[in-house]
Protein backbone atom coordinates (compact mmCIF):
# COMPACT_ATOMS: atom_id res chain seq x y z
CA MET A 1 17.71 -21.03 -18.37
CA ARG A 2 15.18 -22.91 -20.49
CA LYS A 3 11.94 -24.21 -18.98
CA ILE A 4 9.54 -26.70 -20.50
CA ALA A 5 6.47 -26.88 -18.28
CA ALA A 6 5.54 -30.46 -19.13
CA LEU A 7 6.45 -34.02 -18.35
CA SER A 8 6.95 -34.55 -22.04
CA LEU A 9 10.47 -33.24 -22.50
CA ALA A 10 11.81 -35.06 -19.50
CA PHE A 11 10.25 -38.43 -20.18
CA THR A 12 9.25 -38.36 -23.84
CA ALA A 13 11.67 -36.31 -25.93
CA LEU A 14 14.87 -36.85 -23.98
CA LEU A 15 14.06 -40.43 -23.05
CA LEU A 16 12.96 -41.31 -26.56
CA THR A 17 16.62 -40.68 -27.26
CA CYS A 18 17.53 -43.07 -24.45
CA ALA A 19 15.43 -45.78 -26.07
CA PHE A 20 17.97 -45.85 -28.89
CA SER A 21 21.00 -45.78 -26.56
CA GLU A 22 22.38 -49.18 -27.56
CA ALA A 23 22.71 -48.19 -31.21
CA HIS A 24 23.26 -44.46 -30.83
CA ALA A 25 25.45 -42.03 -28.90
CA SER A 26 25.09 -41.15 -25.23
CA ALA A 27 21.75 -39.66 -24.24
CA PRO A 28 20.54 -38.08 -20.97
CA GLU A 29 19.96 -40.47 -18.05
CA THR A 30 17.76 -39.83 -14.99
CA LEU A 31 17.07 -41.40 -11.60
CA PHE A 32 13.60 -42.30 -12.85
CA GLY A 33 14.44 -44.64 -15.71
CA THR A 34 12.03 -44.19 -18.62
CA THR A 35 8.93 -43.23 -16.62
CA PRO A 36 8.29 -40.86 -13.71
CA PRO A 37 7.64 -42.34 -10.25
CA PRO A 38 4.04 -42.62 -9.00
CA ALA A 39 4.17 -39.41 -6.96
CA THR A 40 1.95 -38.05 -4.22
CA LEU A 41 1.70 -34.62 -5.75
CA THR A 42 1.02 -32.47 -2.67
CA SER A 43 2.58 -32.93 0.77
CA THR A 44 0.71 -31.52 3.78
CA ASP A 45 4.01 -30.07 5.04
CA ALA A 46 3.76 -26.27 4.63
CA ASN A 47 7.27 -25.42 5.87
CA SER A 48 9.91 -23.77 3.71
CA VAL A 49 12.33 -26.54 2.79
CA GLU A 50 15.23 -27.48 0.48
CA LEU A 51 14.66 -30.90 -1.15
CA GLY A 52 17.16 -32.96 -3.09
CA ALA A 53 18.79 -36.24 -4.09
CA TRP A 54 22.34 -37.55 -3.73
CA PHE A 55 23.99 -39.39 -6.62
CA SER A 56 27.30 -40.32 -8.21
CA THR A 57 28.20 -41.71 -11.64
CA THR A 58 30.15 -44.67 -12.98
CA GLN A 59 31.83 -42.60 -15.69
CA ASP A 60 32.66 -39.00 -16.53
CA GLY A 61 30.12 -36.86 -18.33
CA SER A 62 28.12 -33.66 -18.08
CA LEU A 63 25.03 -32.40 -16.28
CA PRO A 64 23.10 -29.97 -18.51
CA GLY A 65 20.08 -29.62 -16.24
CA VAL A 66 17.58 -31.22 -13.87
CA VAL A 67 14.01 -32.49 -13.98
CA ALA A 68 11.67 -31.89 -11.05
CA TYR A 69 7.97 -31.85 -10.23
CA LEU A 70 7.32 -28.27 -9.10
CA ASN A 71 4.30 -26.39 -7.86
CA PRO A 72 3.51 -22.82 -8.99
CA GLY A 73 5.96 -20.14 -7.89
CA VAL A 74 9.62 -19.23 -8.24
CA HIS A 75 12.00 -22.07 -7.40
CA THR A 76 15.79 -22.03 -7.12
CA ILE A 77 17.53 -25.09 -8.58
CA ASN A 78 20.95 -26.00 -7.11
CA VAL A 79 23.68 -28.49 -7.96
CA TRP A 80 26.20 -29.33 -5.22
CA GLN A 81 29.38 -31.32 -4.86
CA ALA A 82 28.34 -33.34 -1.82
CA THR A 83 31.69 -33.73 -0.06
CA GLY A 84 32.56 -32.14 3.27
CA ALA A 85 30.25 -29.20 3.96
CA GLY A 86 29.20 -29.20 0.33
CA THR A 87 30.13 -26.84 -2.51
CA LEU A 88 27.56 -25.07 -4.66
CA LEU A 89 28.51 -25.74 -8.31
CA ALA A 90 25.58 -24.15 -10.15
CA SER A 91 22.30 -22.43 -9.46
CA THR A 92 19.42 -21.14 -11.56
CA SER A 93 15.76 -20.31 -11.07
CA VAL A 94 12.48 -21.13 -12.71
CA ASP A 95 9.08 -19.42 -12.49
CA VAL A 96 6.38 -22.10 -12.61
CA THR A 97 2.82 -21.13 -13.53
CA THR A 98 1.24 -24.60 -13.56
CA ALA A 99 2.16 -27.54 -11.34
CA GLY A 100 3.94 -30.30 -13.22
CA TRP A 101 7.20 -31.76 -14.39
CA GLN A 102 9.75 -29.13 -15.33
CA THR A 103 13.00 -29.53 -17.23
CA VAL A 104 15.37 -26.77 -16.18
CA MET A 105 18.60 -26.39 -18.16
CA LEU A 106 21.64 -24.85 -16.48
CA PRO A 107 23.23 -21.82 -18.15
CA THR A 108 26.32 -23.99 -18.78
CA PRO A 109 26.44 -27.79 -18.39
CA LEU A 110 28.60 -29.01 -15.49
CA ASN A 111 31.43 -31.48 -15.96
CA ILE A 112 30.79 -34.57 -13.82
CA THR A 113 33.62 -36.79 -12.52
CA ALA A 114 32.97 -40.50 -12.01
CA GLY A 115 32.83 -41.60 -8.36
CA THR A 116 32.35 -38.08 -6.97
CA PRO A 117 29.20 -37.54 -4.86
CA TYR A 118 26.85 -34.82 -6.09
CA GLU A 119 23.44 -33.54 -5.20
CA VAL A 120 20.64 -31.76 -7.02
CA SER A 121 18.07 -29.81 -5.01
CA TYR A 122 15.36 -27.18 -5.19
CA HIS A 123 13.78 -24.82 -2.71
CA ALA A 124 10.07 -25.16 -1.92
CA ALA A 125 9.28 -21.90 -0.12
CA ASP A 126 5.74 -22.97 0.78
CA GLY A 127 6.31 -26.70 1.20
CA HIS A 128 3.50 -28.79 -0.31
CA TYR A 129 6.02 -30.66 -2.44
CA ALA A 130 5.59 -33.83 -4.47
CA TYR A 131 7.11 -37.09 -3.21
CA THR A 132 7.20 -40.88 -3.51
CA SER A 133 7.74 -42.94 -0.36
CA ASN A 134 10.09 -45.98 -0.32
CA TYR A 135 11.61 -45.09 -3.69
CA PHE A 136 15.25 -45.13 -2.49
CA ALA A 137 14.91 -48.19 -0.24
CA SER A 138 17.49 -50.44 -1.95
CA PRO A 139 21.09 -50.36 -0.65
CA THR A 140 22.52 -49.35 -4.04
CA THR A 141 20.72 -48.82 -7.33
CA LEU A 142 22.02 -48.15 -10.83
CA TYR A 143 20.03 -46.05 -13.29
CA GLY A 144 22.26 -46.39 -16.35
CA ASN A 145 25.48 -44.73 -15.19
CA LEU A 146 23.81 -42.97 -12.23
CA VAL A 147 24.36 -44.50 -8.78
CA VAL A 148 22.18 -43.87 -5.70
CA SER A 149 22.38 -45.43 -2.26
CA ALA A 150 19.60 -46.07 0.25
CA ASN A 151 17.88 -42.89 1.47
CA ALA A 152 19.30 -40.81 -1.39
CA GLY A 153 16.45 -38.34 -0.95
CA VAL A 154 17.44 -35.56 1.45
CA PHE A 155 15.96 -32.37 2.90
CA LYS A 156 16.84 -29.36 5.06
CA TYR A 157 14.37 -26.87 6.53
CA GLU A 158 15.03 -23.19 5.81
CA ALA A 159 16.28 -22.27 9.28
CA ASP A 160 19.41 -24.42 8.87
CA SER A 161 19.82 -24.46 5.08
CA SER A 162 21.80 -21.27 4.47
CA GLY A 163 24.53 -21.85 1.88
CA MET A 164 24.56 -25.61 2.41
CA PRO A 165 23.02 -28.57 0.62
CA PRO A 166 20.26 -30.57 2.32
CA THR A 167 21.79 -33.50 4.22
CA THR A 168 19.02 -34.96 6.38
CA ALA A 169 17.99 -38.36 5.08
CA SER A 170 14.34 -38.51 4.08
CA PHE A 171 11.69 -40.38 5.99
CA HIS A 172 10.78 -43.76 4.49
CA ALA A 173 13.43 -43.54 1.73
CA THR A 174 11.42 -40.77 0.06
CA ASN A 175 12.04 -39.48 -3.45
CA TYR A 176 11.34 -35.74 -3.64
CA GLU A 177 10.80 -35.89 -7.42
CA ILE A 178 14.04 -34.30 -8.57
CA THR A 179 16.69 -35.90 -10.75
CA PRO A 180 19.81 -34.83 -12.61
CA LEU A 181 20.00 -35.11 -16.37
CA PHE A 182 23.32 -36.90 -16.84
CA VAL A 183 25.01 -37.24 -20.24
CA PRO A 184 27.82 -39.84 -20.23
CA ALA A 185 30.99 -38.79 -22.01
CA VAL A 186 30.98 -39.83 -25.66
CA ALA A 187 33.57 -42.18 -27.07
CA THR A 188 36.69 -40.56 -28.48
CA THR A 189 36.96 -42.90 -31.46
CA THR A 190 35.81 -41.64 -34.84
CA THR A 191 32.23 -42.49 -35.74
CA ALA A 192 31.62 -43.39 -39.38
CA TYR A 193 29.22 -41.17 -41.29
CA VAL A 194 26.82 -42.52 -43.89
CA GLN A 195 27.81 -42.54 -47.55
CA PRO A 196 25.85 -40.88 -50.39
CA GLY A 197 23.22 -43.13 -51.91
CA THR A 198 22.88 -45.43 -48.91
CA GLN A 199 20.03 -43.80 -46.98
CA GLY A 200 16.43 -42.88 -47.63
CA TYR A 201 13.93 -45.17 -49.28
CA GLN A 202 15.88 -48.03 -50.86
CA GLY A 203 13.06 -50.32 -51.96
CA SER A 204 11.11 -50.83 -55.15
CA MET A 205 8.79 -48.11 -56.36
CA ASP A 206 6.20 -50.84 -56.94
CA ALA A 207 6.09 -51.46 -53.18
CA LEU A 208 4.74 -47.96 -52.57
CA THR A 209 1.13 -46.79 -52.74
CA LEU A 210 0.94 -43.63 -54.85
CA TYR A 211 -1.13 -40.70 -53.60
CA SER A 212 -1.35 -37.62 -55.78
CA ALA A 213 -3.68 -34.83 -56.82
CA ALA A 214 -3.76 -36.48 -60.24
CA ASN A 215 -5.22 -39.77 -59.01
CA GLY A 216 -7.22 -38.12 -56.21
CA LEU A 217 -6.34 -40.77 -53.64
CA VAL A 218 -5.73 -39.81 -49.99
CA PRO A 219 -4.39 -42.04 -47.19
CA ALA A 220 -6.30 -42.73 -43.99
CA ASN A 221 -6.61 -39.75 -41.60
CA CYS A 222 -6.06 -37.23 -44.40
CA TYR A 223 -8.81 -35.04 -45.87
CA LYS A 224 -8.24 -33.92 -49.41
CA TRP A 225 -5.83 -32.39 -51.91
CA GLU A 226 -5.39 -28.65 -51.84
CA PRO A 227 -3.38 -26.60 -54.37
CA TYR A 228 -0.46 -26.61 -51.93
CA GLY A 229 -0.59 -30.31 -51.03
CA LEU A 230 -2.31 -33.02 -49.02
CA ARG A 231 -4.29 -31.83 -45.99
CA CYS A 232 -4.23 -34.27 -43.03
CA GLY A 233 -5.61 -34.14 -39.51
CA GLY A 234 -4.64 -37.47 -38.05
CA ASP A 235 -6.80 -39.93 -36.14
CA ALA A 236 -8.93 -39.14 -33.09
CA SER A 237 -5.76 -38.38 -31.14
CA GLY A 238 -4.29 -36.28 -33.94
CA ASN A 239 -1.73 -38.95 -34.91
CA LEU A 240 -0.71 -39.63 -38.51
CA THR A 241 1.19 -42.79 -39.46
CA LEU A 242 2.27 -43.50 -43.03
CA ASP A 243 4.32 -46.46 -44.26
CA HIS A 244 5.35 -47.42 -47.81
CA VAL A 245 3.67 -44.47 -49.47
CA HIS A 246 4.74 -42.23 -52.35
CA ILE A 247 3.07 -38.86 -51.94
CA GLN A 248 3.43 -36.41 -54.81
CA GLY A 249 2.92 -33.24 -52.81
CA GLY A 250 3.55 -31.83 -49.36
CA ILE A 251 1.77 -33.06 -46.25
CA TYR A 252 0.03 -30.33 -44.26
CA MET A 253 -0.90 -31.42 -40.72
CA SER A 254 -3.64 -29.69 -38.75
CA GLY A 255 -3.69 -32.30 -35.96
CA CYS A 256 -1.41 -32.05 -32.93
CA GLY A 257 -0.40 -35.67 -32.48
CA ASN A 258 2.56 -37.78 -33.56
CA VAL A 259 3.62 -37.78 -37.19
CA THR A 260 5.37 -41.04 -38.09
CA ILE A 261 6.58 -41.76 -41.62
CA THR A 262 8.59 -44.85 -42.53
CA ASN A 263 9.88 -46.39 -45.78
CA SER A 264 8.28 -43.72 -47.91
CA ILE A 265 8.87 -40.94 -50.46
CA ILE A 266 7.40 -37.48 -49.98
CA GLU A 267 7.91 -35.50 -53.19
CA GLN A 268 6.92 -31.92 -52.41
CA GLN A 269 5.77 -29.97 -55.48
CA PRO A 270 7.17 -26.39 -55.44
CA ILE A 271 4.76 -23.53 -55.99
CA THR A 272 6.24 -20.17 -56.94
CA GLY A 273 6.28 -17.77 -53.99
CA VAL A 274 4.56 -20.22 -51.62
CA PHE A 275 6.21 -21.24 -48.34
CA SER A 276 6.01 -25.01 -48.55
CA ALA A 277 7.59 -28.17 -47.19
CA ALA A 278 7.38 -31.95 -47.58
CA ILE A 279 5.92 -32.14 -44.06
CA ALA A 280 4.41 -28.97 -42.60
CA ASP A 281 2.97 -29.23 -39.09
CA HIS A 282 0.56 -26.36 -38.49
CA CYS A 283 -0.46 -27.40 -34.98
CA ALA A 284 -0.72 -24.09 -33.14
CA THR A 285 0.19 -25.48 -29.71
CA TRP A 286 2.41 -28.51 -29.08
CA ASN A 287 0.58 -30.97 -26.82
CA GLY A 288 3.73 -31.72 -24.84
CA ASN A 289 4.02 -35.33 -26.02
CA ALA A 290 3.96 -35.47 -29.80
CA THR A 291 7.01 -36.09 -31.96
CA ILE A 292 7.80 -36.03 -35.66
CA THR A 293 9.52 -39.29 -36.60
CA VAL A 294 10.80 -40.01 -40.11
CA SER A 295 12.92 -43.04 -40.91
CA ASN A 296 14.22 -44.78 -44.04
CA SER A 297 12.41 -42.21 -46.16
CA THR A 298 13.19 -39.69 -48.90
CA LEU A 299 11.89 -36.11 -48.71
CA VAL A 300 12.71 -34.09 -51.82
CA THR A 301 11.54 -31.11 -53.86
CA GLY A 302 12.26 -29.70 -57.29
CA LEU A 303 13.48 -32.95 -58.83
CA PRO A 304 14.83 -32.59 -62.36
CA THR A 305 12.51 -34.07 -64.99
CA GLY A 306 12.97 -37.81 -65.25
CA THR A 307 14.83 -38.23 -61.96
CA ALA A 308 13.40 -41.02 -59.83
CA PRO A 309 12.70 -39.78 -56.29
CA ASN A 310 14.56 -42.75 -54.77
CA ALA A 311 17.66 -42.17 -56.91
CA VAL A 312 20.91 -40.83 -55.45
CA TYR A 313 20.28 -37.12 -54.97
CA PRO A 314 23.32 -35.29 -56.44
CA VAL A 315 24.44 -32.19 -54.57
CA SER A 316 25.38 -30.46 -57.81
CA THR A 317 21.90 -30.69 -59.28
CA SER A 318 20.30 -27.37 -60.18
CA VAL A 319 16.79 -27.50 -58.75
CA THR A 320 13.81 -25.21 -58.58
CA GLY A 321 13.69 -25.58 -54.80
CA SER A 322 10.60 -24.57 -52.86
CA GLY A 323 9.30 -21.99 -55.28
CA GLY A 324 11.04 -18.93 -53.89
CA ALA A 325 10.29 -19.48 -50.20
CA SER A 326 13.89 -19.07 -49.16
CA ASP A 327 14.08 -20.22 -45.55
CA ASN A 328 12.18 -23.48 -45.20
CA GLY A 329 13.26 -27.10 -45.09
CA PRO A 330 11.75 -30.51 -45.78
CA ILE A 331 10.01 -30.47 -42.37
CA PHE A 332 8.39 -27.35 -40.98
CA ALA A 333 7.25 -27.23 -37.33
CA ASN A 334 6.92 -24.66 -34.56
CA GLY A 335 10.19 -25.55 -32.82
CA SER A 336 8.55 -27.49 -29.98
CA PHE A 337 8.18 -30.91 -31.59
CA PRO A 338 11.14 -33.24 -31.01
CA MET A 339 12.23 -34.56 -34.41
CA MET A 340 13.47 -38.17 -34.58
CA LEU A 341 15.09 -38.51 -38.02
CA TYR A 342 16.91 -41.73 -38.93
CA ASN A 343 18.39 -42.99 -42.22
CA ASP A 344 16.62 -40.45 -44.42
CA VAL A 345 17.46 -38.36 -47.49
CA PHE A 346 16.51 -34.67 -47.57
CA GLY A 347 17.21 -32.91 -50.85
CA GLY A 348 16.46 -29.81 -52.89
CA PHE A 349 15.31 -27.48 -50.12
CA PRO A 350 17.04 -24.24 -49.14
CA GLN A 351 17.31 -25.64 -45.60
CA GLY A 352 18.07 -29.09 -44.34
CA VAL A 353 16.63 -29.75 -40.87
CA VAL A 354 15.11 -26.70 -39.18
CA GLY A 355 12.46 -26.07 -36.51
CA MET A 356 13.46 -28.94 -34.23
CA GLY A 357 12.45 -29.10 -30.55
CA ASP A 358 14.41 -30.08 -27.45
CA GLY A 359 15.64 -33.68 -27.37
CA SER A 360 15.66 -34.16 -31.16
CA VAL A 361 17.80 -36.89 -32.76
CA ILE A 362 19.16 -36.42 -36.30
CA GLU A 363 21.12 -39.53 -37.14
CA ASN A 364 22.51 -41.27 -40.23
CA ASN A 365 20.82 -39.02 -42.78
CA GLU A 366 21.94 -37.62 -46.14
CA ILE A 367 21.13 -33.92 -46.16
CA TYR A 368 21.59 -31.89 -49.37
CA VAL A 369 20.69 -28.21 -49.36
CA GLN A 370 20.56 -26.21 -52.57
CA ASP A 371 21.43 -22.66 -53.59
CA GLU A 372 18.31 -20.56 -53.97
CA GLY A 373 19.34 -16.93 -54.24
CA ASN A 374 19.90 -15.45 -50.80
CA ALA A 375 18.53 -18.48 -48.98
CA HIS A 376 19.94 -19.50 -45.61
CA VAL A 377 20.67 -23.06 -46.83
CA ASP A 378 22.02 -24.51 -43.59
CA GLY A 379 22.15 -28.29 -43.34
CA VAL A 380 21.09 -28.51 -39.67
CA TYR A 381 19.82 -25.20 -38.30
CA ASN A 382 19.23 -25.17 -34.54
CA GLU A 383 17.31 -22.08 -33.43
CA GLY A 384 17.41 -22.76 -29.68
CA ALA A 385 16.68 -26.45 -29.08
CA SER A 386 18.61 -28.15 -26.25
CA GLY A 387 19.61 -31.78 -25.80
CA VAL A 388 19.84 -32.37 -29.56
CA LEU A 389 21.98 -35.22 -30.97
CA VAL A 390 23.34 -34.87 -34.55
CA GLN A 391 25.31 -37.99 -35.44
CA GLY A 392 26.61 -39.88 -38.44
CA ASN A 393 25.06 -37.63 -41.09
CA TYR A 394 26.37 -36.65 -44.53
CA ILE A 395 25.57 -32.93 -44.90
CA ALA A 396 26.43 -30.91 -47.99
CA SER A 397 25.55 -27.38 -49.10
CA THR A 398 26.06 -25.99 -52.59
CA ASN A 399 25.85 -22.35 -51.51
CA VAL A 400 29.13 -20.99 -50.13
CA ASN A 401 27.35 -17.76 -49.21
CA ALA A 402 25.21 -19.61 -46.69
CA THR A 403 26.08 -19.75 -43.00
CA SER A 404 27.06 -23.38 -42.49
CA PRO A 405 26.18 -27.06 -42.93
CA ILE A 406 25.55 -26.98 -39.17
CA PHE A 407 24.55 -23.76 -37.44
CA PHE A 408 23.62 -23.08 -33.80
CA GLN A 409 21.76 -19.80 -33.31
CA ASN A 410 19.82 -18.63 -30.23
CA ALA A 411 20.55 -19.88 -26.72
CA SER A 412 20.66 -23.65 -26.20
CA SER A 413 22.70 -26.21 -24.28
CA ALA A 414 23.61 -29.91 -23.98
CA ASN A 415 23.80 -30.45 -27.75
CA GLN A 416 26.04 -33.09 -29.36
CA VAL A 417 27.47 -33.22 -32.90
CA ILE A 418 29.27 -36.53 -33.39
CA GLY A 419 30.86 -38.20 -36.42
CA ASN A 420 29.28 -36.22 -39.29
CA TYR A 421 30.60 -35.27 -42.74
CA LEU A 422 30.19 -31.52 -43.30
CA TYR A 423 30.72 -29.80 -46.66
CA GLY A 424 30.22 -26.30 -48.05
CA GLY A 425 28.71 -23.11 -46.67
CA GLY A 426 30.36 -19.90 -45.59
CA TYR A 427 31.83 -21.88 -42.68
CA THR A 428 31.76 -25.63 -42.10
CA MET A 429 30.48 -25.16 -38.55
CA ALA A 430 29.00 -22.09 -36.87
CA ASN A 431 28.13 -21.78 -33.18
CA GLU A 432 26.75 -18.45 -32.06
CA SER A 433 24.82 -19.28 -28.89
CA SER A 434 24.99 -22.98 -27.89
CA THR A 435 26.78 -23.53 -24.57
CA GLY A 436 28.51 -26.74 -23.53
CA LEU A 437 28.44 -28.08 -27.11
CA ILE A 438 30.06 -31.50 -27.62
CA PHE A 439 31.54 -31.45 -31.13
CA ASN A 440 33.67 -34.55 -31.70
CA ASN A 441 34.95 -36.81 -34.51
CA ASN A 442 33.48 -34.87 -37.43
CA THR A 443 35.00 -34.68 -40.92
CA PHE A 444 35.33 -31.21 -42.48
CA GLY A 445 34.95 -31.82 -46.21
CA GLY A 446 35.88 -28.34 -47.47
CA GLY A 447 33.92 -26.25 -49.97
CA TRP A 448 33.61 -23.35 -47.54
CA ALA A 449 33.91 -19.65 -48.48
CA TYR A 450 35.46 -18.16 -45.32
CA GLY A 451 36.84 -20.92 -43.09
CA ASN A 452 36.26 -24.21 -41.36
CA CYS A 453 34.35 -22.75 -38.42
CA TYR A 454 33.60 -19.80 -36.21
CA TYR A 455 31.93 -19.27 -32.89
CA LEU A 456 31.19 -16.41 -30.51
CA PRO A 457 32.96 -16.99 -27.16
CA ALA A 458 30.75 -14.40 -25.45
CA THR A 459 27.61 -16.49 -26.00
CA ALA A 460 28.83 -19.94 -27.08
CA SER A 461 31.08 -22.59 -25.54
CA PHE A 462 32.24 -26.18 -26.00
CA ASN A 463 32.37 -28.97 -23.44
CA SER A 464 34.44 -30.93 -25.93
CA PHE A 465 35.96 -30.29 -29.37
CA SER A 466 38.12 -33.27 -30.30
CA GLY A 467 38.78 -35.84 -32.99
CA ASN A 468 37.66 -33.48 -35.76
CA VAL A 469 39.62 -33.73 -39.02
CA ASP A 470 39.76 -32.38 -42.54
CA ALA A 471 39.05 -34.81 -45.37
CA ASP A 472 42.81 -35.44 -45.70
CA GLY A 473 43.05 -36.43 -42.03
CA THR A 474 44.58 -33.17 -40.77
CA ALA A 475 43.37 -32.37 -37.25
CA VAL A 476 40.95 -29.45 -36.85
CA THR A 477 41.17 -27.61 -33.52
CA LEU A 478 39.68 -24.47 -32.04
CA ASP A 479 41.80 -21.34 -32.18
CA GLY A 480 40.16 -18.30 -30.63
CA SER A 481 36.84 -17.83 -32.38
CA HIS A 482 37.81 -19.90 -35.43
CA CYS A 483 39.41 -23.24 -36.32
CA THR A 484 42.95 -24.09 -37.24
CA ASN A 485 44.24 -27.09 -39.16
């Protein structure tokens, strides 16, 4: 079970993904739309009670977790099939220290069948729950593919709640501030991945404002040049926004707000033995809302002399990398920040994308990772983030001794890998600890040392593994803990 004790994951990170739903793959849907309801945060009812919401869906999919407003204490989260007397499908618990919105991921996402009634609920041992009156007043309401009828909020007091879901309709069509996270099934058709040389900054170098230690210029909301790069703090809210800039050096953030970079080139300068990145976020504590968003930009390091930073970045290029710091990527963060990365180029680092938070989206990027001794050099390295979408990327690694172009390590769930091109590494795909992984319509480009893929069935699982092919069109399927083709 993963717990994020903040509204942010439920309605910022995951629903930022939903904001791109027309152009991108399926993202989690909730009964709250894009914003939480205006809740009364503490009921005067002090009785022990089970509180929930009925729903069904218009198409098949999965339920990786729930979102609920919970008061301090240990709460049991339940998912039921709401037919007949009700069948308990999944249960987990969460220990809440501070009242607020909680995202609670199930140990394994549930498969959801369209048209079947379900229910999510939680137990409030001391009552005093959050609620919104007249929320479920309409006869039938659609929230994306989620369907609720009038009085979908339900409750059952402890004396008659043993082993059964709450079934008593709420007073005044009340919403008890709990919702499923529903992920509609992804399309089974192959999704095209981006081609080399088509992403990243594509404009004229003359359209960019150059900032470098040599010219001494710094953009707004940055402080000064240090030996390791450009020190920035952001505005009064800790936010940093850069557009059409060419920065010859890494960006080192001390603020804790949003970092947004568009149509730009960040050309990190490697320093021998120094852990460095194109964007390094040194915020000690994530504020629960901030994201790192990079789009239509090029983040590179160790460019060969004379190579323009907006040129096609060849995977075969021998580069100096990050100066001997063997396990960093173009963006370095603490693992809490959702990363929203679209149409970028990342090249020359011994990692591709690493340190992402829950709800990240990595879509339509060219990712080139380079051999640097015993470096990890994974293209997308997920160290425990859930609800991550990786789609349409071109990912290539030159180091066959590395783990994989895409590697899931540490417990996570509800991740999707759709329509990517994957080349190189020890294995093309490695899944050690992600449960319920959707891995569909990817192209395995070869270049591996040991095989197309491996996973650990004791700690990893797939909700779907289909439509994956080798570069010659041969189907790739799971066979035990490896792939066959």
